[in-house]
Amino acid sequence: MRRRTTVAAATAAALSAALAVTALTVPAAVADQSDADTTFVNISVNHNLDYTVGVEATKKRVFSVSATVSDPSGVKSMSFELWHGSEDRTKVDGVMSGAAQCHKINELTSYCEALVTADPNVNLRKNALAGLWYMAPVAVDGAGNVTRGVGAYFAVIKRQTYLSQTVVTPDPVKKGTNITVKARMTVAGWEQKKNVPLIGHQVLLQYRKGTSGPFVTLKKLKTDRNGWATSTVKATADGAYRYDFATTSLTQPTTGAADYVDVK
């Protein structure tokens, strides 16, 4: 049995484009591998849903990782390894893995998909484990040779976020009167085993006139030390108010439920 490694060069584009997974593989320059290189293409995390996985405070999340694998002697088996902390596997602070089921496309190529479990009670016990996870596909070919792909393969594991129902007071309200719009922002606390306030993050106060049409942004503001977003605006017409939170490198996006206001 031989062990081989295919190497992919991580580029700035791979990291900047939403930490997307790329599938550029360059076989290692070893003479006895030239006639038996395993290649990995079309690597997908979470079925290409931006390669991102959101995980709640206490519930495990099962997600898929897949690849199309080719080898001159065929593909016997496949697995995926994920780790956090450093590209150097000797300095990791978190690991995940999953064995794949492979479906033969032809004698040389198979489509392989694994289910990986992200669990706050097992492999996500620290909030600091949110963010970029390195990933390596590992294949065994028909001759028993093991190839481990390394390089520009990534997944992003994020903490799930939540916005409470927006509350507008007073309601109903006289036209031209100030109204207060409040909602609370929380995030999955993997360490705390519960949702905790998301402090000091920007949210957008949005408004939709009437009962249909798009929401427009009125203000940008940050949540306070208890996770509350509070803003004051003048009531001009019947409509709905809500808060919206964009994604970060560590947290998922979310939009709160709107509150409709009757303006007299």
C-alpha atoms as a PDB file:
ATOM      1  CA  MET A   1       0.000   0.000   0.000  1.00  0.00           C
ATOM      2  CA  ARG A   2       1.287   3.442  -0.916  1.00  0.00           C
ATOM      3  CA  ARG A   3       0.152   6.717   0.573  1.00  0.00           C
ATOM      4  CA  ARG A   4      -0.072   9.694  -1.698  1.00  0.00           C
ATOM      5  CA  THR A   5      -0.967  13.321  -1.201  1.00  0.00           C
ATOM      6  CA  THR A   6      -2.460  15.653  -3.762  1.00  0.00           C
ATOM      7  CA  VAL A   7      -1.740  19.304  -3.052  1.00  0.00           C
ATOM      8  CA  ALA A   8      -3.854  22.332  -3.893  1.00  0.00           C
ATOM      9  CA  ALA A   9      -2.547  25.870  -3.543  1.00  0.00           C
ATOM     10  CA  ALA A  10      -4.902  28.048  -1.496  1.00  0.00           C
ATOM     11  CA  THR A  11      -5.360  31.451  -3.101  1.00  0.00           C
ATOM     12  CA  ALA A  12      -6.614  34.752  -1.745  1.00  0.00           C
ATOM     13  CA  ALA A  13      -9.648  34.385  -3.986  1.00  0.00           C
ATOM     14  CA  ALA A  14     -10.578  31.119  -2.313  1.00  0.00           C
ATOM     15  CA  LEU A  15     -10.676  32.805   1.077  1.00  0.00           C
ATOM     16  CA  SER A  16     -12.297  36.071   0.028  1.00  0.00           C
ATOM     17  CA  ALA A  17     -15.152  34.536  -1.990  1.00  0.00           C
ATOM     18  CA  ALA A  18     -17.136  33.595   1.114  1.00  0.00           C
ATOM     19  CA  LEU A  19     -14.462  31.092   2.081  1.00  0.00           C
ATOM     20  CA  ALA A  20     -15.625  29.002  -0.870  1.00  0.00           C
ATOM     21  CA  VAL A  21     -14.385  25.485  -1.393  1.00  0.00           C
ATOM     22  CA  THR A  22     -12.245  25.111  -4.471  1.00  0.00           C
ATOM     23  CA  ALA A  23     -11.199  21.947  -6.194  1.00  0.00           C
ATOM     24  CA  LEU A  24      -7.861  22.745  -7.808  1.00  0.00           C
ATOM     25  CA  THR A  25      -5.583  19.767  -7.273  1.00  0.00           C
ATOM     26  CA  VAL A  26      -1.979  19.409  -8.316  1.00  0.00           C
ATOM     27  CA  PRO A  27      -0.542  15.903  -7.925  1.00  0.00           C
ATOM     28  CA  ALA A  28       2.599  15.628  -5.844  1.00  0.00           C
ATOM     29  CA  ALA A  29       5.730  15.328  -7.952  1.00  0.00           C
ATOM     30  CA  VAL A  30       6.697  11.760  -7.122  1.00  0.00           C
ATOM     31  CA  ALA A  31       7.856   9.496  -9.953  1.00  0.00           C
ATOM     32  CA  ASP A  32       6.051   6.291  -8.957  1.00  0.00           C
ATOM     33  CA  GLN A  33       2.720   8.139  -8.734  1.00  0.00           C
ATOM     34  CA  SER A  34       2.594   9.421 -12.288  1.00  0.00           C
ATOM     35  CA  ASP A  35       0.500   6.484 -13.518  1.00  0.00           C
ATOM     36  CA  ALA A  36      -1.855   6.207 -10.531  1.00  0.00           C
ATOM     37  CA  ASP A  37      -2.898   9.631  -9.268  1.00  0.00           C
ATOM     38  CA  THR A  38      -6.219  10.106  -7.534  1.00  0.00           C
ATOM     39  CA  THR A  39      -7.995  13.372  -8.358  1.00  0.00           C
ATOM     40  CA  PHE A  40     -10.775  15.169  -6.480  1.00  0.00           C
ATOM     41  CA  VAL A  41     -13.145  17.591  -8.225  1.00  0.00           C
ATOM     42  CA  ASN A  42     -16.530  19.232  -7.580  1.00  0.00           C
ATOM     43  CA  ILE A  43     -16.079  19.208  -3.823  1.00  0.00           C
ATOM     44  CA  SER A  44     -19.283  20.376  -2.165  1.00  0.00           C
ATOM     45  CA  VAL A  45     -20.217  21.205   1.429  1.00  0.00           C
ATOM     46  CA  ASN A  46     -23.880  21.242   2.395  1.00  0.00           C
ATOM     47  CA  HIS A  47     -24.862  20.731  -1.246  1.00  0.00           C
ATOM     48  CA  ASN A  48     -23.204  23.975  -2.362  1.00  0.00           C
ATOM     49  CA  LEU A  49     -25.236  26.163   0.004  1.00  0.00           C
ATOM     50  CA  ASP A  50     -22.277  28.586   0.177  1.00  0.00           C
ATOM     51  CA  TYR A  51     -20.223  25.853   1.902  1.00  0.00           C
ATOM     52  CA  THR A  52     -21.581  27.059   5.246  1.00  0.00           C
ATOM     53  CA  VAL A  53     -23.194  25.140   8.094  1.00  0.00           C
ATOM     54  CA  GLY A  54     -25.142  26.812  10.904  1.00  0.00           C
ATOM     55  CA  VAL A  55     -25.246  25.035  14.266  1.00  0.00           C
ATOM     56  CA  GLU A  56     -27.611  25.691  17.178  1.00  0.00           C
ATOM     57  CA  ALA A  57     -26.642  25.888  20.852  1.00  0.00           C
ATOM     58  CA  THR A  58     -27.321  22.284  21.834  1.00  0.00           C
ATOM     59  CA  LYS A  59     -28.559  20.405  18.764  1.00  0.00           C
ATOM     60  CA  LYS A  60     -26.210  18.483  16.532  1.00  0.00           C
ATOM     61  CA  ARG A  61     -26.239  19.314  12.833  1.00  0.00           C
ATOM     62  CA  VAL A  62     -25.631  16.662  10.194  1.00  0.00           C
ATOM     63  CA  PHE A  63     -24.392  18.027   6.867  1.00  0.00           C
ATOM     64  CA  SER A  64     -23.115  16.518   3.656  1.00  0.00           C
ATOM     65  CA  VAL A  65     -19.668  16.700   2.067  1.00  0.00           C
ATOM     66  CA  SER A  66     -19.156  15.247  -1.394  1.00  0.00           C
ATOM     67  CA  ALA A  67     -16.670  14.969  -4.240  1.00  0.00           C
ATOM     68  CA  THR A  68     -16.169  13.316  -7.602  1.00  0.00           C
ATOM     69  CA  VAL A  69     -13.111  11.048  -7.334  1.00  0.00           C
ATOM     70  CA  SER A  70     -11.101   9.451 -10.135  1.00  0.00           C
ATOM     71  CA  ASP A  71      -8.213   6.978 -10.164  1.00  0.00           C
ATOM     72  CA  PRO A  72      -6.759   4.733 -12.916  1.00  0.00           C
ATOM     73  CA  SER A  73      -7.479   1.702 -10.719  1.00  0.00           C
ATOM     74  CA  GLY A  74     -10.925   2.885  -9.619  1.00  0.00           C
ATOM     75  CA  VAL A  75     -12.170   4.060  -6.224  1.00  0.00           C
ATOM     76  CA  LYS A  76     -12.565   1.577  -3.365  1.00  0.00           C
ATOM     77  CA  SER A  77     -13.573   3.910  -0.522  1.00  0.00           C
ATOM     78  CA  MET A  78     -13.621   7.558   0.512  1.00  0.00           C
ATOM     79  CA  SER A  79     -13.795   9.711   3.649  1.00  0.00           C
ATOM     80  CA  PHE A  80     -13.487  13.362   4.635  1.00  0.00           C
ATOM     81  CA  GLU A  81     -11.473  14.914   7.478  1.00  0.00           C
ATOM     82  CA  LEU A  82     -12.219  18.413   8.810  1.00  0.00           C
ATOM     83  CA  TRP A  83     -10.196  20.312  11.390  1.00  0.00           C
ATOM     84  CA  HIS A  84     -10.014  23.759  12.983  1.00  0.00           C
ATOM     85  CA  GLY A  85      -7.225  25.924  14.333  1.00  0.00           C
ATOM     86  CA  SER A  86      -4.301  25.625  11.939  1.00  0.00           C
ATOM     87  CA  GLU A  87      -3.549  24.307   8.488  1.00  0.00           C
ATOM     88  CA  ASP A  88      -0.886  22.285  10.287  1.00  0.00           C
ATOM     89  CA  ARG A  89      -2.700  19.129  11.447  1.00  0.00           C
ATOM     90  CA  THR A  90      -0.445  18.868  14.516  1.00  0.00           C
ATOM     91  CA  LYS A  91      -1.873  22.114  15.953  1.00  0.00           C
ATOM     92  CA  VAL A  92      -5.616  21.610  15.637  1.00  0.00           C
ATOM     93  CA  ASP A  93      -8.194  22.358  18.323  1.00  0.00           C
ATOM     94  CA  GLY A  94     -11.196  20.662  16.710  1.00  0.00           C
ATOM     95  CA  VAL A  95     -11.832  17.708  14.387  1.00  0.00           C
ATOM     96  CA  MET A  96     -14.734  16.147  12.479  1.00  0.00           C
ATOM     97  CA  SER A  97     -14.870  13.305   9.999  1.00  0.00           C
ATOM     98  CA  GLY A  98     -17.253  11.219   7.949  1.00  0.00           C
ATOM     99  CA  ALA A  99     -17.068   8.037   5.878  1.00  0.00           C
ATOM    100  CA  ALA A 100     -18.540   8.393   2.402  1.00  0.00           C
ATOM    101  CA  GLN A 101     -20.795   6.220   0.348  1.00  0.00           C
ATOM    102  CA  CYS A 102     -19.529   6.015  -3.223  1.00  0.00           C
ATOM    103  CA  HIS A 103     -21.559   5.494  -6.382  1.00  0.00           C
ATOM    104  CA  LYS A 104     -19.658   4.437  -9.465  1.00  0.00           C
ATOM    105  CA  ILE A 105     -19.947   6.717 -12.497  1.00  0.00           C
ATOM    106  CA  ASN A 106     -17.641   4.531 -14.564  1.00  0.00           C
ATOM    107  CA  GLU A 107     -14.752   2.147 -13.915  1.00  0.00           C
ATOM    108  CA  LEU A 108     -12.380   4.998 -12.995  1.00  0.00           C
ATOM    109  CA  THR A 109     -14.651   7.587 -11.399  1.00  0.00           C
ATOM    110  CA  SER A 110     -17.085   7.613  -8.472  1.00  0.00           C
ATOM    111  CA  TYR A 111     -19.301  10.190  -6.806  1.00  0.00           C
ATOM    112  CA  CYS A 112     -18.761   9.981  -3.031  1.00  0.00           C
ATOM    113  CA  GLU A 113     -20.829  11.667  -0.314  1.00  0.00           C
ATOM    114  CA  ALA A 114     -20.332  11.634   3.457  1.00  0.00           C
ATOM    115  CA  LEU A 115     -22.505  12.806   6.334  1.00  0.00           C
ATOM    116  CA  VAL A 116     -20.548  14.757   8.959  1.00  0.00           C
ATOM    117  CA  THR A 117     -21.935  15.639  12.386  1.00  0.00           C
ATOM    118  CA  ALA A 118     -21.256  19.008  14.025  1.00  0.00           C
ATOM    119  CA  ASP A 119     -22.263  18.625  17.682  1.00  0.00           C
ATOM    120  CA  PRO A 120     -21.942  21.259  20.457  1.00  0.00           C
ATOM    121  CA  ASN A 121     -21.802  18.400  22.963  1.00  0.00           C
ATOM    122  CA  VAL A 122     -18.940  16.604  21.225  1.00  0.00           C
ATOM    123  CA  ASN A 123     -16.817  18.510  18.689  1.00  0.00           C
ATOM    124  CA  LEU A 124     -18.069  22.111  19.059  1.00  0.00           C
ATOM    125  CA  ARG A 125     -17.725  22.644  22.784  1.00  0.00           C
ATOM    126  CA  LYS A 126     -16.114  26.092  22.395  1.00  0.00           C
ATOM    127  CA  ASN A 127     -17.538  29.185  20.704  1.00  0.00           C
ATOM    128  CA  ALA A 128     -14.048  29.818  19.340  1.00  0.00           C
ATOM    129  CA  LEU A 129     -14.486  26.836  17.022  1.00  0.00           C
ATOM    130  CA  ALA A 130     -16.788  28.890  14.797  1.00  0.00           C
ATOM    131  CA  GLY A 131     -15.387  29.927  11.436  1.00  0.00           C
ATOM    132  CA  LEU A 132     -13.070  28.369   8.880  1.00  0.00           C
ATOM    133  CA  TRP A 133     -12.446  24.620   8.991  1.00  0.00           C
ATOM    134  CA  TYR A 134      -9.830  23.001   6.790  1.00  0.00           C
ATOM    135  CA  MET A 135     -10.885  19.874   4.960  1.00  0.00           C
ATOM    136  CA  ALA A 136      -9.131  16.931   3.312  1.00  0.00           C
ATOM    137  CA  PRO A 137     -10.710  14.222   1.156  1.00  0.00           C
ATOM    138  CA  VAL A 138      -9.125  10.802   1.680  1.00  0.00           C
ATOM    139  CA  ALA A 139      -9.526   8.070  -0.963  1.00  0.00           C
ATOM    140  CA  VAL A 140      -8.476   4.440  -1.232  1.00  0.00           C
ATOM    141  CA  ASP A 141      -8.101   3.300  -4.834  1.00  0.00           C
ATOM    142  CA  GLY A 142      -8.748  -0.115  -6.281  1.00  0.00           C
ATOM    143  CA  ALA A 143      -5.158  -1.185  -5.612  1.00  0.00           C
ATOM    144  CA  GLY A 144      -5.342  -0.200  -1.931  1.00  0.00           C
ATOM    145  CA  ASN A 145      -3.309   3.008  -2.262  1.00  0.00           C
ATOM    146  CA  VAL A 146      -4.364   5.883   0.002  1.00  0.00           C
ATOM    147  CA  THR A 147      -4.442   9.438  -1.322  1.00  0.00           C
ATOM    148  CA  ARG A 148      -5.088  12.368   0.985  1.00  0.00           C
ATOM    149  CA  GLY A 149      -5.990  15.627  -0.749  1.00  0.00           C
ATOM    150  CA  VAL A 150      -4.782  18.781   0.977  1.00  0.00           C
ATOM    151  CA  GLY A 151      -4.836  22.458   0.065  1.00  0.00           C
ATOM    152  CA  ALA A 152      -7.672  24.773  -0.909  1.00  0.00           C
ATOM    153  CA  TYR A 153     -10.518  22.798   0.635  1.00  0.00           C
ATOM    154  CA  PHE A 154     -12.627  24.562   3.260  1.00  0.00           C
ATOM    155  CA  ALA A 155     -15.905  24.488   5.131  1.00  0.00           C
ATOM    156  CA  VAL A 156     -17.373  27.213   7.341  1.00  0.00           C
ATOM    157  CA  ILE A 157     -19.083  26.249  10.609  1.00  0.00           C
ATOM    158  CA  LYS A 158     -21.095  29.131  12.077  1.00  0.00           C
ATOM    159  CA  ARG A 159     -23.111  29.842  15.208  1.00  0.00           C
ATOM    160  CA  GLN A 160     -26.830  30.163  14.514  1.00  0.00           C
ATOM    161  CA  THR A 161     -28.366  33.582  15.210  1.00  0.00           C
ATOM    162  CA  TYR A 162     -31.892  34.682  16.101  1.00  0.00           C
ATOM    163  CA  LEU A 163     -33.935  37.882  16.143  1.00  0.00           C
ATOM    164  CA  SER A 164     -37.015  38.084  18.328  1.00  0.00           C
ATOM    165  CA  GLN A 165     -40.385  39.298  17.122  1.00  0.00           C
ATOM    166  CA  THR A 166     -40.132  43.037  16.489  1.00  0.00           C
ATOM    167  CA  VAL A 167     -42.280  45.139  18.838  1.00  0.00           C
ATOM    168  CA  VAL A 168     -43.402  48.661  17.944  1.00  0.00           C
ATOM    169  CA  THR A 169     -44.917  50.980  20.562  1.00  0.00           C
ATOM    170  CA  PRO A 170     -47.271  52.732  20.740  1.00  0.00           C
ATOM    171  CA  ASP A 171     -49.687  51.034  18.343  1.00  0.00           C
ATOM    172  CA  PRO A 172     -51.954  52.406  17.020  1.00  0.00           C
ATOM    173  CA  VAL A 173     -50.215  55.758  16.726  1.00  0.00           C
ATOM    174  CA  LYS A 174     -50.973  59.241  15.489  1.00  0.00           C
ATOM    175  CA  LYS A 175     -49.214  60.273  12.278  1.00  0.00           C
ATOM    176  CA  GLY A 176     -46.004  62.205  12.972  1.00  0.00           C
ATOM    177  CA  THR A 177     -45.616  60.726  16.457  1.00  0.00           C
ATOM    178  CA  ASN A 178     -42.422  58.971  17.487  1.00  0.00           C
ATOM    179  CA  ILE A 179     -42.542  55.203  17.792  1.00  0.00           C
ATOM    180  CA  THR A 180     -40.027  52.860  19.396  1.00  0.00           C
ATOM    181  CA  VAL A 181     -38.961  49.738  17.523  1.00  0.00           C
ATOM    182  CA  LYS A 182     -37.324  46.934  19.533  1.00  0.00           C
ATOM    183  CA  ALA A 183     -36.068  43.410  18.959  1.00  0.00           C
ATOM    184  CA  ARG A 184     -33.508  41.192  20.673  1.00  0.00           C
ATOM    185  CA  MET A 185     -30.588  39.495  18.967  1.00  0.00           C
ATOM    186  CA  THR A 186     -29.212  36.210  20.300  1.00  0.00           C
ATOM    187  CA  VAL A 187     -26.670  33.667  19.094  1.00  0.00           C
ATOM    188  CA  ALA A 188     -26.036  30.006  19.791  1.00  0.00           C
ATOM    189  CA  GLY A 189     -23.680  29.664  22.761  1.00  0.00           C
ATOM    190  CA  TRP A 190     -21.973  26.307  22.290  1.00  0.00           C
ATOM    191  CA  GLU A 191     -20.076  26.724  25.564  1.00  0.00           C
ATOM    192  CA  GLN A 192     -23.083  27.960  27.533  1.00  0.00           C
ATOM    193  CA  LYS A 193     -25.457  25.332  26.027  1.00  0.00           C
ATOM    194  CA  LYS A 194     -28.049  28.034  25.372  1.00  0.00           C
ATOM    195  CA  ASN A 195     -28.655  31.107  23.230  1.00  0.00           C
ATOM    196  CA  VAL A 196     -26.858  34.203  24.522  1.00  0.00           C
ATOM    197  CA  PRO A 197     -27.086  37.929  23.635  1.00  0.00           C
ATOM    198  CA  LEU A 198     -25.214  38.988  20.519  1.00  0.00           C
ATOM    199  CA  ILE A 199     -23.525  42.165  21.696  1.00  0.00           C
ATOM    200  CA  GLY A 200     -22.324  45.117  19.635  1.00  0.00           C
ATOM    201  CA  HIS A 201     -23.263  43.788  16.206  1.00  0.00           C
ATOM    202  CA  GLN A 202     -24.827  45.858  13.457  1.00  0.00           C
ATOM    203  CA  VAL A 203     -28.466  45.307  12.535  1.00  0.00           C
ATOM    204  CA  LEU A 204     -30.644  47.088   9.988  1.00  0.00           C
ATOM    205  CA  LEU A 205     -33.970  48.657  10.904  1.00  0.00           C
ATOM    206  CA  GLN A 206     -36.251  48.112   7.907  1.00  0.00           C
ATOM    207  CA  TYR A 207     -39.721  49.356   6.955  1.00  0.00           C
ATOM    208  CA  ARG A 208     -42.362  48.352   4.423  1.00  0.00           C
ATOM    209  CA  LYS A 209     -45.244  50.709   3.689  1.00  0.00           C
ATOM    210  CA  GLY A 210     -48.612  48.992   3.628  1.00  0.00           C
ATOM    211  CA  THR A 211     -48.890  45.239   3.416  1.00  0.00           C
ATOM    212  CA  SER A 212     -46.826  44.390   0.335  1.00  0.00           C
ATOM    213  CA  GLY A 213     -43.661  45.349  -1.449  1.00  0.00           C
ATOM    214  CA  PRO A 214     -40.013  45.341  -0.449  1.00  0.00           C
ATOM    215  CA  PHE A 215     -38.575  46.388   2.906  1.00  0.00           C
ATOM    216  CA  VAL A 216     -36.253  49.405   2.825  1.00  0.00           C
ATOM    217  CA  THR A 217     -33.511  50.146   5.346  1.00  0.00           C
ATOM    218  CA  LEU A 218     -34.122  53.148   7.589  1.00  0.00           C
ATOM    219  CA  LYS A 219     -31.195  52.916   9.996  1.00  0.00           C
ATOM    220  CA  LYS A 220     -28.095  50.978  10.921  1.00  0.00           C
ATOM    221  CA  LEU A 221     -27.486  50.446  14.623  1.00  0.00           C
ATOM    222  CA  LYS A 222     -25.683  48.102  17.004  1.00  0.00           C
ATOM    223  CA  THR A 223     -27.118  45.802  19.631  1.00  0.00           C
ATOM    224  CA  ASP A 224     -26.559  46.717  23.277  1.00  0.00           C
ATOM    225  CA  ARG A 225     -24.923  44.625  26.009  1.00  0.00           C
ATOM    226  CA  ASN A 226     -28.101  42.586  26.386  1.00  0.00           C
ATOM    227  CA  GLY A 227     -28.541  42.036  22.662  1.00  0.00           C
ATOM    228  CA  TRP A 228     -31.361  44.558  22.222  1.00  0.00           C
ATOM    229  CA  ALA A 229     -31.730  46.739  19.134  1.00  0.00           C
ATOM    230  CA  THR A 230     -33.779  49.842  19.959  1.00  0.00           C
ATOM    231  CA  SER A 231     -34.582  52.714  17.620  1.00  0.00           C
ATOM    232  CA  THR A 232     -36.967  55.660  17.475  1.00  0.00           C
ATOM    233  CA  VAL A 233     -38.576  56.858  14.219  1.00  0.00           C
ATOM    234  CA  LYS A 234     -41.566  58.989  13.211  1.00  0.00           C
ATOM    235  CA  ALA A 235     -44.716  57.172  12.150  1.00  0.00           C
ATOM    236  CA  THR A 236     -45.684  58.332   8.657  1.00  0.00           C
ATOM    237  CA  ALA A 237     -48.040  55.670   7.309  1.00  0.00           C
ATOM    238  CA  ASP A 238     -49.406  52.219   8.012  1.00  0.00           C
ATOM    239  CA  GLY A 239     -46.675  49.657   7.594  1.00  0.00           C
ATOM    240  CA  ALA A 240     -44.415  47.010   9.051  1.00  0.00           C
ATOM    241  CA  TYR A 241     -41.072  47.312  10.834  1.00  0.00           C
ATOM    242  CA  ARG A 242     -38.423  44.630  11.315  1.00  0.00           C
ATOM    243  CA  TYR A 243     -34.713  44.133  11.996  1.00  0.00           C
ATOM    244  CA  ASP A 244     -32.273  42.309   9.733  1.00  0.00           C
ATOM    245  CA  PHE A 245     -28.827  40.893  10.549  1.00  0.00           C
ATOM    246  CA  ALA A 246     -26.243  40.118   7.885  1.00  0.00           C
ATOM    247  CA  THR A 247     -23.854  37.208   8.122  1.00  0.00           C
ATOM    248  CA  THR A 248     -20.347  37.452   9.606  1.00  0.00           C
ATOM    249  CA  SER A 249     -17.423  35.053   9.340  1.00  0.00           C
ATOM    250  CA  LEU A 250     -18.586  33.394  12.589  1.00  0.00           C
ATOM    251  CA  THR A 251     -22.374  33.799  12.617  1.00  0.00           C
ATOM    252  CA  GLN A 252     -25.348  33.062  10.375  1.00  0.00           C
ATOM    253  CA  PRO A 253     -27.658  35.777   8.983  1.00  0.00           C
ATOM    254  CA  THR A 254     -31.206  36.151  10.247  1.00  0.00           C
ATOM    255  CA  THR A 255     -34.267  38.361   9.790  1.00  0.00           C
ATOM    256  CA  GLY A 256     -36.768  39.056  12.543  1.00  0.00           C
ATOM    257  CA  ALA A 257     -40.539  38.847  12.205  1.00  0.00           C
ATOM    258  CA  ALA A 258     -42.126  42.214  11.383  1.00  0.00           C
ATOM    259  CA  ASP A 259     -44.624  44.171  13.475  1.00  0.00           C
ATOM    260  CA  TYR A 260     -47.393  46.023  11.593  1.00  0.00           C
ATOM    261  CA  VAL A 261     -48.341  49.499  12.851  1.00  0.00           C
ATOM    262  CA  ASP A 262     -51.661  51.253  12.329  1.00  0.00           C
ATOM    263  CA  VAL A 263     -51.089  54.987  11.825  1.00  0.00           C
ATOM    264  CA  LYS A 264     -54.121  57.217  12.416  1.00  0.00           C
END
